[in-house]
Amino acid sequence: MTKKATGAVGAKPRRNGNDPLGANSEIGRKLKQYYDELVSDEVPDRFAELLSQLEKAEPTQKKA
């Protein structure tokens, strides 16, 4: 008894005429949404303090 497989294996993705990227468009939208949320988050105080200490510890470089 063998069943005919249906589904993702060998299946071509459906493409809407308005959306040439198909499923990739949804992935792109999700990534952009995640990035936008990440960028809008505030920097934690402890992290900002560590960055400030690092900047002070680095030797000043002359710009050429």
Foldseek 3Di string as FASTA:
>chain_A
DDDDDDDDVVDDADDDPVGRVGPVVVVVVVVVVVVVVVVPDDDDPVVVVVVVVVVVPDDDDDDD
